[in-house]
Amino acid sequence: MTTTPPTPAVPQQQPQPRPARGSYGWQKFMRIAFHVVAILEAITWTGLLYAMYMRHIVGVPEAEDPVPFWGMVHGIAFVVFCGVVTIAWFTFRWRLWEWVVALGMAVPPLMTIPLEVWYSRTGRLKPRPAPAGGSAPGN
């Protein structure tokens, strides 16, 4: 009876993420821009919620109604957030679902902050230097 020695297990290699587009400095800028705009979008959501409370619960007069101001500020912040998300999608080479989730999280109130924490902790916003030996194709 012959026994064959067990074959050593070959460790599975984790797939390397594709190199991000743009320079390392641009990637760092996009990470900071995503962070700042996500917080600003949440702050303007809070202002809009406060304004709606003042209009519908407190019943402030129309001349003192804060909804038009906070609505406009939040609308601008929302559009800027969507733009930054789209540029980050291109820069960090996110999958389509990651882009859709990031855009969708701007709709419910205050969800851009948990999104930013999640994307930061999972490395979706991590700047990646260009691979050694020159520029990666598609940069």
Protein backbone atom coordinates (compact mmCIF):
# COMPACT_ATOMS: atom_id res chain seq x y z
CA MET A 1 0.00 0.00 0.00
CA THR A 2 1.49 3.26 -1.09
CA THR A 3 0.46 6.55 0.28
CA THR A 4 0.94 9.73 -1.58
CA PRO A 5 2.14 12.63 0.45
CA PRO A 6 -0.43 15.39 0.76
CA THR A 7 0.11 18.24 -1.62
CA PRO A 8 0.85 21.49 0.17
CA ALA A 9 -1.98 23.94 0.04
CA VAL A 10 -1.28 26.87 -2.20
CA PRO A 11 -2.43 30.06 -0.52
CA GLN A 12 -5.03 31.94 -2.48
CA GLN A 13 -3.78 35.32 -3.58
CA GLN A 14 -6.09 38.24 -3.01
CA PRO A 15 -6.84 40.09 -6.23
CA GLN A 16 -4.98 43.36 -6.34
CA PRO A 17 -7.18 46.42 -6.79
CA ARG A 18 -6.76 48.16 -10.09
CA PRO A 19 -4.55 51.22 -9.86
CA ALA A 20 -6.51 54.39 -9.34
CA ARG A 21 -6.51 57.09 -11.99
CA GLY A 22 -4.66 60.33 -11.52
CA SER A 23 -1.63 61.25 -9.49
CA TYR A 24 -1.22 60.31 -5.86
CA GLY A 25 -1.84 63.97 -4.94
CA TRP A 26 -5.09 64.03 -6.94
CA GLN A 27 -6.28 60.87 -5.18
CA LYS A 28 -5.54 62.42 -1.79
CA PHE A 29 -7.42 65.56 -2.84
CA MET A 30 -10.43 63.47 -3.92
CA ARG A 31 -10.42 61.60 -0.59
CA ILE A 32 -10.48 64.90 1.30
CA ALA A 33 -13.11 66.39 -1.04
CA PHE A 34 -15.35 63.34 -0.55
CA HIS A 35 -14.98 63.62 3.22
CA VAL A 36 -15.68 67.37 3.37
CA VAL A 37 -18.61 67.34 0.94
CA ALA A 38 -20.22 64.33 2.68
CA ILE A 39 -20.15 66.22 5.98
CA LEU A 40 -21.43 69.45 4.39
CA GLU A 41 -24.28 67.55 2.73
CA ALA A 42 -25.29 66.11 6.11
CA ILE A 43 -25.08 69.53 7.78
CA THR A 44 -27.33 71.07 5.13
CA TRP A 45 -29.76 68.16 5.56
CA THR A 46 -29.90 69.02 9.26
CA GLY A 47 -30.56 72.67 8.40
CA LEU A 48 -33.36 71.68 6.04
CA LEU A 49 -34.94 69.39 8.65
CA TYR A 50 -34.77 72.24 11.17
CA ALA A 51 -36.36 74.60 8.64
CA MET A 52 -39.20 72.17 7.94
CA TYR A 53 -39.76 71.80 11.67
CA MET A 54 -39.94 75.58 12.01
CA ARG A 55 -42.39 75.86 9.09
CA HIS A 56 -44.73 72.97 9.85
CA ILE A 57 -44.57 72.51 13.64
CA VAL A 58 -43.70 75.93 15.03
CA GLY A 59 -45.56 77.78 12.28
CA VAL A 60 -43.23 80.71 11.61
CA PRO A 61 -44.64 83.47 9.40
CA GLU A 62 -43.90 83.26 5.69
CA ALA A 63 -41.53 86.24 5.85
CA GLU A 64 -39.33 84.37 8.35
CA ASP A 65 -39.63 80.95 6.72
CA PRO A 66 -36.17 79.32 6.66
CA VAL A 67 -37.11 76.57 4.16
CA PRO A 68 -36.24 78.51 0.96
CA PHE A 69 -32.75 79.29 2.25
CA TRP A 70 -31.96 75.81 3.59
CA GLY A 71 -33.62 74.19 0.58
CA MET A 72 -31.36 76.09 -1.81
CA VAL A 73 -28.22 75.47 0.28
CA HIS A 74 -29.02 71.78 0.55
CA GLY A 75 -29.81 71.52 -3.15
CA ILE A 76 -26.41 72.97 -4.02
CA ALA A 77 -24.68 70.66 -1.53
CA PHE A 78 -26.55 67.65 -2.98
CA VAL A 79 -25.50 68.45 -6.55
CA VAL A 80 -21.88 69.03 -5.47
CA PHE A 81 -21.91 65.73 -3.56
CA CYS A 82 -23.22 63.88 -6.62
CA GLY A 83 -20.47 65.46 -8.72
CA VAL A 84 -17.74 64.55 -6.24
CA VAL A 85 -19.08 60.99 -6.01
CA THR A 86 -19.00 60.67 -9.79
CA ILE A 87 -15.43 61.97 -10.01
CA ALA A 88 -14.40 59.65 -7.13
CA TRP A 89 -16.04 56.74 -8.98
CA PHE A 90 -13.85 57.46 -11.98
CA THR A 91 -10.70 58.24 -9.94
CA PHE A 92 -10.81 55.20 -7.62
CA ARG A 93 -12.27 52.85 -10.26
CA TRP A 94 -15.26 51.85 -8.17
CA ARG A 95 -17.64 49.21 -9.42
CA LEU A 96 -21.02 50.40 -10.67
CA TRP A 97 -22.81 49.29 -7.51
CA GLU A 98 -20.41 51.32 -5.34
CA TRP A 99 -21.24 54.44 -7.33
CA VAL A 100 -25.01 53.78 -7.18
CA VAL A 101 -24.87 53.17 -3.41
CA ALA A 102 -22.91 56.40 -2.87
CA LEU A 103 -25.45 58.40 -4.88
CA GLY A 104 -28.37 56.68 -3.16
CA MET A 105 -27.01 57.43 0.31
CA ALA A 106 -27.38 61.15 -0.38
CA VAL A 107 -31.17 60.82 -0.46
CA PRO A 108 -31.98 59.71 3.13
CA PRO A 109 -31.16 62.34 5.74
CA LEU A 110 -27.66 62.25 7.25
CA MET A 111 -26.57 59.01 5.54
CA THR A 112 -23.55 60.51 3.79
CA ILE A 113 -21.55 60.41 7.04
CA PRO A 114 -21.94 56.63 7.58
CA LEU A 115 -21.21 56.21 3.86
CA GLU A 116 -17.97 58.18 4.18
CA VAL A 117 -16.92 56.14 7.23
CA TRP A 118 -17.73 52.86 5.45
CA TYR A 119 -15.90 53.79 2.24
CA SER A 120 -12.89 55.05 4.20
CA ARG A 121 -12.63 51.93 6.36
CA THR A 122 -12.98 49.54 3.42
CA GLY A 123 -10.31 51.30 1.35
CA ARG A 124 -12.59 52.62 -1.38
CA LEU A 125 -11.14 56.09 -0.85
CA LYS A 126 -7.54 55.00 -0.30
CA PRO A 127 -5.02 56.67 -2.59
CA ARG A 128 -2.94 54.07 -4.44
CA PRO A 129 0.41 54.99 -5.95
CA ALA A 130 1.07 54.06 -9.54
CA PRO A 131 2.64 50.62 -9.97
CA ALA A 132 6.42 50.45 -10.20
CA GLY A 133 7.73 50.56 -13.72
CA GLY A 134 5.75 53.43 -15.11
CA SER A 135 2.24 54.56 -15.57
CA ALA A 136 -0.58 52.07 -15.63
CA PRO A 137 -2.59 51.85 -18.81
CA GLY A 138 -5.70 53.98 -18.74
CA ASN A 139 -4.27 56.67 -16.45
